[in-house]
Protein backbone atom coordinates (compact mmCIF):
# COMPACT_ATOMS: atom_id res chain seq x y z
CA MET A 1 -9.85 13.82 6.96
CA ASN A 2 -11.46 11.39 9.34
CA ILE A 3 -9.04 9.60 11.62
CA LYS A 4 -10.49 6.35 12.88
CA SER A 5 -9.10 3.78 15.29
CA ALA A 6 -11.74 1.08 15.11
CA HIS A 7 -9.21 -1.74 15.35
CA SER A 8 -6.61 -0.18 17.61
CA ALA A 9 -6.35 0.22 21.34
CA GLN A 10 -3.91 3.13 21.11
CA THR A 11 -4.68 6.20 19.02
CA THR A 12 -2.26 7.95 16.71
CA LEU A 13 -2.19 10.93 19.09
CA LEU A 14 0.00 9.00 21.52
CA GLY A 15 2.61 8.33 18.84
CA PHE A 16 2.45 11.94 17.65
CA ALA A 17 2.93 13.34 21.15
CA ALA A 18 5.98 11.17 21.74
CA ALA A 19 7.49 12.15 18.40
CA PHE A 20 6.84 15.84 19.08
CA LEU A 21 8.85 15.64 22.28
CA ILE A 22 11.75 14.08 20.37
CA LEU A 23 11.54 16.78 17.72
CA ALA A 24 11.64 19.48 20.38
CA ALA A 25 14.65 17.91 22.08
CA GLU A 26 16.85 17.12 19.05
CA PRO A 27 17.75 19.17 15.96
CA LEU A 28 16.74 17.61 12.67
CA SER A 29 19.42 16.02 10.52
CA ALA A 30 19.89 16.96 6.88
CA GLU A 31 19.82 13.27 6.02
CA GLU A 32 16.33 12.60 4.67
CA ILE A 33 14.60 10.30 2.27
CA GLN A 34 11.14 10.86 0.78
CA PHE A 35 8.60 8.65 -0.87
CA ILE A 36 5.00 8.61 -2.05
CA VAL A 37 2.42 5.91 -1.37
CA THR A 38 -0.81 5.32 -3.27
CA SER A 39 -2.99 2.26 -3.72
CA ASP A 40 -5.89 0.61 -5.53
CA VAL A 41 -5.45 2.40 -8.83
CA HIS A 42 -7.93 -0.06 -10.43
CA PHE A 43 -7.30 0.37 -14.14
CA GLY A 44 -10.38 -0.87 -15.97
CA ILE A 45 -13.14 0.94 -14.06
CA THR A 46 -14.54 4.47 -13.91
CA ARG A 47 -15.19 7.17 -11.33
CA ALA A 48 -18.75 8.47 -11.22
CA ASP A 49 -17.55 12.10 -11.05
CA PHE A 50 -14.18 13.69 -11.70
CA GLN A 51 -13.34 17.30 -12.49
CA GLY A 52 -16.69 17.94 -14.14
CA GLY A 53 -16.82 14.68 -16.07
CA LYS A 54 -19.04 11.65 -15.55
CA ASP A 55 -17.90 8.03 -15.60
CA VAL A 56 -14.26 9.01 -16.02
CA ASN A 57 -11.96 6.04 -16.65
CA ALA A 58 -9.08 5.09 -14.36
CA GLU A 59 -6.44 5.89 -16.95
CA ALA A 60 -7.54 9.54 -17.08
CA VAL A 61 -7.91 9.85 -13.29
CA ASN A 62 -4.56 8.27 -12.51
CA LYS A 63 -2.84 10.39 -15.17
CA VAL A 64 -3.95 13.54 -13.33
CA MET A 65 -2.76 12.10 -9.99
CA VAL A 66 0.65 11.20 -11.40
CA GLY A 67 0.93 14.70 -12.84
CA LYS A 68 0.38 16.09 -9.33
CA MET A 69 3.09 13.74 -8.00
CA ASN A 70 5.52 14.91 -10.68
CA ALA A 71 4.98 18.53 -9.62
CA LEU A 72 5.65 17.91 -5.90
CA PRO A 73 9.40 18.63 -5.72
CA ALA A 74 8.94 22.37 -6.35
CA LEU A 75 6.30 22.77 -3.62
CA THR A 76 6.86 23.73 0.00
CA LEU A 77 5.92 21.53 2.92
CA PRO A 78 3.52 22.97 5.51
CA THR A 79 4.82 24.37 8.78
CA ASP A 80 3.58 21.52 10.93
CA TYR A 81 6.56 20.56 13.15
CA GLY A 82 7.15 17.48 11.00
CA VAL A 83 10.36 16.48 9.22
CA LYS A 84 11.43 19.24 6.75
CA SER A 85 8.60 21.45 8.01
CA GLY A 86 8.33 24.60 5.88
CA GLU A 87 11.03 23.49 3.42
CA GLU A 88 10.90 22.80 -0.30
CA ILE A 89 9.97 19.18 -0.93
CA GLY A 90 12.75 18.39 -3.38
CA PRO A 91 13.81 14.89 -4.49
CA ILE A 92 11.62 11.80 -4.15
CA ASP A 93 13.39 8.46 -3.65
CA PHE A 94 10.54 6.16 -4.64
CA VAL A 95 6.84 5.74 -5.29
CA ALA A 96 5.01 2.73 -3.82
CA VAL A 97 1.71 1.36 -5.13
CA THR A 98 0.14 -1.15 -2.75
CA GLY A 99 -1.97 -3.24 -5.07
CA ASP A 100 -5.02 -3.62 -7.26
CA ILE A 101 -3.27 -2.38 -10.35
CA ALA A 102 -5.89 -4.04 -12.56
CA ASN A 103 -9.52 -4.25 -11.55
CA ARG A 104 -10.97 -7.75 -11.44
CA MET A 105 -12.24 -8.78 -14.89
CA GLU A 106 -15.80 -9.48 -13.77
CA VAL A 107 -18.74 -9.64 -16.16
CA ASN A 108 -21.64 -7.51 -14.93
CA ASP A 109 -24.91 -7.24 -16.87
CA GLY A 110 -23.20 -8.85 -19.83
CA THR A 111 -20.32 -6.36 -19.89
CA ALA A 112 -16.81 -7.38 -18.86
CA ILE A 113 -14.19 -5.21 -17.21
CA GLN A 114 -11.16 -4.99 -19.50
CA SER A 115 -8.46 -7.68 -19.30
CA ALA A 116 -5.53 -7.51 -16.90
CA ALA A 117 -3.28 -7.17 -19.96
CA ALA A 118 -5.14 -4.03 -21.08
CA SER A 119 -5.05 -2.62 -17.55
CA TRP A 120 -1.32 -3.27 -17.20
CA ALA A 121 -0.64 -1.50 -20.50
CA GLN A 122 -2.40 1.59 -19.11
CA PHE A 123 -0.56 1.33 -15.78
CA LYS A 124 2.75 1.16 -17.64
CA THR A 125 1.93 4.28 -19.63
CA VAL A 126 0.73 6.29 -16.64
CA PHE A 127 3.08 5.11 -13.87
CA VAL A 128 6.11 3.25 -15.23
CA ASP A 129 6.66 5.67 -18.11
CA GLY A 130 4.73 8.70 -16.84
CA LEU A 131 6.45 9.30 -13.49
CA THR A 132 9.27 11.83 -13.98
CA LEU A 133 10.36 12.26 -10.36
CA LYS A 134 14.07 12.17 -9.52
CA ASP A 135 16.02 11.17 -6.44
CA GLU A 136 18.85 13.10 -4.76
CA ALA A 137 21.39 11.76 -7.27
CA GLY A 138 19.25 12.82 -10.22
CA ASN A 139 18.22 9.30 -11.13
CA LYS A 140 14.61 8.43 -11.91
CA SER A 141 12.73 7.64 -8.71
CA GLN A 142 12.17 3.95 -8.21
CA LEU A 143 8.67 2.45 -8.51
CA PHE A 144 7.78 -0.31 -6.06
CA VAL A 145 4.58 -2.28 -6.66
CA VAL A 146 2.84 -5.10 -4.78
CA PRO A 147 -0.24 -7.04 -5.92
CA GLY A 148 -3.74 -6.68 -4.55
CA ASN A 149 -6.56 -9.18 -4.30
CA HIS A 150 -7.91 -8.13 -7.73
CA ASP A 151 -4.53 -8.79 -9.38
CA VAL A 152 -4.30 -12.26 -7.85
CA SER A 153 -7.93 -13.17 -8.61
CA ASN A 154 -7.39 -12.23 -12.25
CA ALA A 155 -4.51 -14.71 -12.32
CA ILE A 156 -6.07 -17.66 -10.48
CA GLY A 157 -9.82 -17.20 -11.07
CA PHE A 158 -12.80 -15.93 -9.11
CA TYR A 159 -16.18 -17.28 -8.02
CA LYS A 160 -18.01 -14.87 -10.32
CA LYS A 161 -17.72 -15.01 -14.09
CA MET A 162 -14.70 -13.23 -15.55
CA GLU A 163 -13.76 -12.64 -19.17
CA PRO A 164 -11.24 -14.01 -19.87
CA ALA A 165 -11.52 -16.58 -17.10
CA THR A 166 -7.92 -15.84 -16.05
CA ASP A 167 -5.24 -13.36 -17.06
CA ALA A 168 -2.02 -13.25 -15.02
CA THR A 169 -0.48 -10.28 -16.84
CA SER A 170 -0.30 -7.83 -13.93
CA MET A 171 1.12 -10.48 -11.59
CA VAL A 172 3.73 -11.51 -14.16
CA GLU A 173 4.74 -7.93 -14.92
CA ILE A 174 5.02 -6.96 -11.23
CA TYR A 175 7.04 -10.10 -10.53
CA ASN A 176 9.50 -9.50 -13.36
CA MET A 177 9.85 -5.79 -12.55
CA GLU A 178 10.38 -6.15 -8.79
CA VAL A 179 11.61 -9.68 -8.01
CA LYS A 180 13.89 -9.61 -11.08
CA PRO A 181 14.26 -13.35 -11.72
CA ALA A 182 17.20 -14.55 -13.82
CA THR A 183 14.67 -15.94 -16.28
CA PRO A 184 11.56 -13.77 -16.54
CA ILE A 185 8.28 -15.60 -16.04
CA THR A 186 5.47 -15.45 -18.57
CA THR A 187 1.70 -15.79 -18.39
CA SER A 188 2.11 -19.39 -19.54
CA THR A 189 4.73 -20.28 -16.89
CA TYR A 190 3.26 -18.27 -14.02
CA ASN A 191 2.34 -20.30 -10.91
CA TYR A 192 0.84 -18.43 -7.95
CA ALA A 193 1.97 -21.09 -5.47
CA THR A 194 5.62 -20.60 -6.36
CA ASP A 195 5.70 -17.09 -7.83
CA ARG A 196 4.71 -15.03 -4.79
CA ILE A 197 5.68 -11.37 -5.08
CA HIS A 198 7.83 -10.27 -2.15
CA TYR A 199 11.08 -8.31 -2.11
CA SER A 200 12.98 -5.77 -0.03
CA ARG A 201 15.07 -2.67 -0.67
CA ASP A 202 17.43 -0.70 1.57
CA VAL A 203 17.16 3.06 1.17
CA GLY A 204 18.94 5.53 3.45
CA GLY A 205 19.62 2.92 6.13
CA ILE A 206 15.95 1.87 6.33
CA HIS A 207 14.82 -1.64 5.29
CA PHE A 208 11.67 -1.44 3.17
CA VAL A 209 9.78 -4.70 2.63
CA PHE A 210 7.09 -5.30 -0.01
CA LEU A 211 4.77 -8.26 0.56
CA ASN A 212 2.15 -10.26 -1.32
CA VAL A 213 -1.41 -9.16 -0.36
CA TRP A 214 -1.01 -9.73 3.42
CA PRO A 215 1.73 -11.20 5.67
CA ASP A 216 0.36 -14.75 6.00
CA ALA A 217 2.46 -17.77 6.98
CA VAL A 218 4.07 -17.97 3.53
CA GLU A 219 5.08 -14.32 3.62
CA GLN A 220 6.24 -14.59 7.22
CA ALA A 221 8.54 -17.50 6.32
CA TRP A 222 10.09 -15.46 3.50
CA LEU A 223 10.33 -12.36 5.70
CA GLU A 224 12.04 -14.30 8.47
CA THR A 225 14.77 -15.29 6.01
CA ASP A 226 15.00 -11.73 4.69
CA LEU A 227 15.35 -10.23 8.16
CA LYS A 228 18.22 -12.54 9.13
CA ASN A 229 20.52 -10.15 7.27
CA VAL A 230 19.03 -7.00 8.84
CA PRO A 231 20.53 -5.63 12.09
CA ALA A 232 18.08 -5.35 14.97
CA THR A 233 18.81 -1.62 15.09
CA THR A 234 17.68 -1.04 11.48
CA PRO A 235 14.06 0.12 11.16
CA VAL A 236 11.87 -2.09 8.98
CA VAL A 237 8.85 -0.70 7.11
CA LEU A 238 6.25 -3.03 5.57
CA PHE A 239 4.11 -2.39 2.48
CA THR A 240 1.26 -4.72 1.59
CA HIS A 241 -2.26 -4.56 0.19
CA ASP A 242 -4.49 -5.63 3.09
CA GLY A 243 -4.53 -3.91 6.45
CA PRO A 244 -3.57 -5.79 9.62
CA VAL A 245 -7.27 -6.60 10.16
CA LEU A 246 -7.41 -9.19 7.41
CA GLU A 247 -10.66 -10.03 5.62
CA ALA A 248 -11.52 -13.74 5.85
CA LYS A 249 -12.63 -13.84 2.20
CA HIS A 250 -9.01 -13.46 1.08
CA LEU A 251 -7.99 -16.73 2.75
CA THR A 252 -8.10 -20.20 1.20
CA ASN A 253 -11.38 -22.06 1.52
CA PRO A 254 -11.23 -24.62 4.38
CA ASN A 255 -14.46 -26.30 3.32
CA GLY A 256 -15.00 -29.33 1.10
CA ALA A 257 -12.63 -29.40 -1.86
CA GLY A 258 -11.15 -26.07 -0.81
CA ASP A 259 -11.90 -24.56 -4.19
CA ILE A 260 -13.06 -21.10 -5.26
CA ASN A 261 -16.84 -21.29 -5.46
CA ALA A 262 -19.89 -19.03 -5.25
CA THR A 263 -21.23 -20.77 -2.15
CA ASP A 264 -18.26 -20.36 0.18
CA LYS A 265 -16.89 -17.17 -1.49
CA PHE A 266 -13.33 -17.61 -0.27
CA GLU A 267 -10.85 -16.20 -2.80
CA ASN A 268 -7.87 -18.53 -2.07
CA LEU A 269 -5.29 -15.74 -2.05
CA LEU A 270 -3.63 -16.63 1.27
CA VAL A 271 -3.16 -19.65 3.55
CA LYS A 272 -6.12 -21.80 4.55
CA ALA A 273 -8.69 -20.07 6.73
CA SER A 274 -9.32 -21.09 10.32
CA GLU A 275 -12.83 -19.68 9.80
CA THR A 276 -15.59 -21.58 8.00
CA THR A 277 -17.35 -18.52 6.54
CA VAL A 278 -16.05 -15.29 5.00
CA LYS A 279 -17.97 -13.20 7.54
CA GLU A 280 -16.02 -14.34 10.60
CA PRO A 281 -13.30 -12.16 12.18
CA THR A 282 -9.77 -13.35 11.42
CA LEU A 283 -8.58 -13.40 15.01
CA THR A 284 -6.36 -16.48 14.66
CA GLU A 285 -4.55 -15.17 11.58
CA GLN A 286 -4.14 -11.72 13.10
CA GLN A 287 -2.71 -13.14 16.31
CA THR A 288 -0.21 -15.20 14.33
CA PHE A 289 0.90 -11.99 12.61
CA VAL A 290 1.11 -10.14 15.93
CA ASP A 291 3.25 -12.91 17.43
CA PHE A 292 5.55 -12.76 14.41
CA VAL A 293 5.97 -8.96 14.54
CA LYS A 294 6.74 -9.08 18.27
CA LYS A 295 9.78 -11.22 17.44
CA TYR A 296 11.12 -8.27 15.43
CA PRO A 297 10.72 -5.06 17.47
CA ASN A 298 12.40 -3.08 14.65
CA ILE A 299 9.32 -3.60 12.41
CA ALA A 300 8.27 -0.01 12.89
CA ALA A 301 5.55 0.84 10.38
CA TYR A 302 2.99 -0.78 8.07
CA PHE A 303 1.46 0.79 4.91
CA HIS A 304 -1.65 -0.63 3.23
CA GLY A 305 -4.59 -0.02 0.91
CA ASN A 306 -7.60 -2.29 0.16
CA THR A 307 -10.14 -0.54 2.42
CA ASN A 308 -9.14 2.89 1.26
CA LEU A 309 -9.01 5.96 3.45
CA SER A 310 -6.34 8.45 4.51
CA GLN A 311 -5.80 7.31 8.09
CA TYR A 312 -3.07 6.95 10.71
CA TYR A 313 -3.49 4.56 13.62
CA ASP A 314 -1.73 2.13 15.92
CA TYR A 315 -2.70 -1.54 15.52
CA ALA A 316 -2.82 -3.44 18.82
CA GLY A 317 -3.91 -6.89 17.61
CA PRO A 318 -6.57 -9.21 19.03
CA ASP A 319 -4.78 -9.48 22.37
CA ASN A 320 -4.17 -5.71 22.62
CA SER A 321 -0.41 -6.23 22.94
CA LEU A 322 1.28 -4.73 19.87
CA GLY A 323 1.09 -1.01 19.01
CA LEU A 324 2.33 -1.05 15.40
CA HIS A 325 2.22 2.28 13.51
CA VAL A 326 -0.08 1.87 10.50
CA VAL A 327 -0.76 4.17 7.54
CA ARG A 328 -3.87 3.47 5.49
CA VAL A 329 -3.87 4.88 1.96
CA ASP A 330 -6.62 6.35 -0.20
CA SER A 331 -7.53 5.14 -3.71
CA PRO A 332 -8.04 7.37 -6.76
CA MET A 333 -10.96 5.13 -7.76
CA LYS A 334 -12.49 3.49 -4.67
CA GLY A 335 -11.81 5.66 -1.64
CA GLU A 336 -14.16 5.21 1.30
CA VAL A 337 -14.56 9.00 1.48
CA SER A 338 -13.07 10.23 -1.80
CA ALA A 339 -15.30 8.07 -4.00
CA LYS A 340 -18.17 10.34 -2.95
CA ASP A 341 -16.18 13.56 -2.42
CA GLU A 342 -13.44 13.99 -5.00
CA THR A 343 -11.92 16.94 -3.12
CA LYS A 344 -10.72 14.39 -0.54
CA LEU A 345 -8.66 12.39 -3.07
CA SER A 346 -5.20 11.89 -1.61
CA PHE A 347 -1.94 10.03 -1.57
CA GLN A 348 0.64 9.98 1.22
CA LEU A 349 3.93 11.89 1.09
CA VAL A 350 6.44 10.49 3.56
CA THR A 351 9.55 12.35 4.72
CA LEU A 352 11.99 10.44 6.87
CA ASP A 353 14.87 11.83 8.92
CA THR A 354 17.26 8.88 8.74
CA ALA A 355 19.67 10.12 11.43
CA ASN A 356 17.06 10.76 14.11
CA ARG A 357 14.80 7.96 12.81
CA LEU A 358 11.70 10.15 12.55
CA MET A 359 8.98 9.70 9.95
CA THR A 360 6.41 12.33 8.99
CA VAL A 361 3.48 11.18 6.85
CA ARG A 362 1.45 13.93 5.20
CA GLU A 363 -1.90 13.63 3.47
CA ALA A 364 -1.42 15.10 -0.03
CA LEU A 365 -4.82 16.28 -1.30
CA TRP A 366 -4.34 16.29 -5.05
CA ASN A 367 -7.81 17.33 -6.25
CA ALA A 368 -8.94 19.80 -3.61
CA ASP A 369 -10.28 22.30 -6.14
CA LYS A 370 -11.16 19.77 -8.90
CA SER A 371 -8.54 21.13 -11.26
CA ALA A 372 -5.84 19.33 -13.24
CA SER A 373 -3.50 22.34 -13.01
CA SER A 374 -3.74 23.22 -9.31
CA PRO A 375 -0.98 22.09 -6.91
CA VAL A 376 -1.32 19.58 -4.13
CA VAL A 377 -2.44 20.95 -0.77
CA PHE A 378 -1.67 19.22 2.50
CA GLY A 379 -4.20 17.93 5.00
CA ALA A 380 -3.60 15.89 8.14
CA SER A 381 -0.17 14.62 9.13
CA VAL A 382 1.48 12.44 11.74
CA THR A 383 5.07 12.17 12.96
CA PHE A 384 6.42 9.18 14.83
CA ALA A 385 9.74 7.66 15.80
CA LEU A 386 10.96 4.53 14.04
CA ALA A 387 12.26 3.22 17.34
CA PRO A 388 12.14 -0.49 18.25
CA ARG A 389 9.03 -1.36 20.24
CA PRO A 390 9.51 -2.49 23.86
CA VAL A 391 10.04 -6.23 24.22
CA ASP A 392 7.68 -8.09 26.56
């Protein structure tokens, strides 16, 4: 695995060294929670190569990955000085999928990607119904999902031709499943401006927050309200689609009518851009996010997909003042490395010692020998403390 730190001033090695010292000084508690993170499952497209096949569709690829997840509990963790090092994996509390459930329904060379409705039906079969993992109490592991830019574009439209022009199915289904409104929304009542997908869950004394695409001003306002009920000593972990280094194209067009058009190429997923072109760095938006996070030192970790790679790094922000632990997640369909080398396909297995507030993230290589029956093997890992960051 390549570990990059292109957008961070501190490398992951600093966090790992600090965590190792804590591990050496304190015995591990038996109080642990575990979860899996994957992203960008992109139902509707194909992989060029997979286990000897060509142009293998996302349903088949993801079905193999979920099978590997289901088999995890009986495996043994590597001896790597992380949480539960050398022990049987055992129960899994939840699985998180950080967006792009359905691929965008673009028409290329006269052929359209399948509808969001068709993609959601496949996701439901493979993930909602196909995951058989159990938690410590023997209940089915929870499934937490957030939308990606493809999911939102399917719902609100895109600057390239799509067929159908819009289909909000994946957004509606995620909203109803996770936000749990008293009256479920439908594709005919769905409104992106008012039906943002954001929610939180408390598991093992940790506050897990799931956000819409990226923590823009709308998400920050919701999160501020959510965190009012969270003690400052409780670690907060964020899950969202985009990494901290936001792409300008996902913002709302600041030009002219502010619409989605093929000239400006803004996608209108988030608040209005301070940039005038999609190629500019999003320094203003990132700094706003940094300033927000600094108000809450207990925001301890950030998981994301979108630009997919198995990577651990510390995000410093434009002013080099933050140091937020970030975990970037691979995609079964569009990995930066794994799209070309299927043996590098991975998801992240996270084991968290809730008493000592230590988190170990392990790269789970689920296709290392290109076989549907072989077990997961573990690659790189990182351990860090979920301690509040120093206040300026």
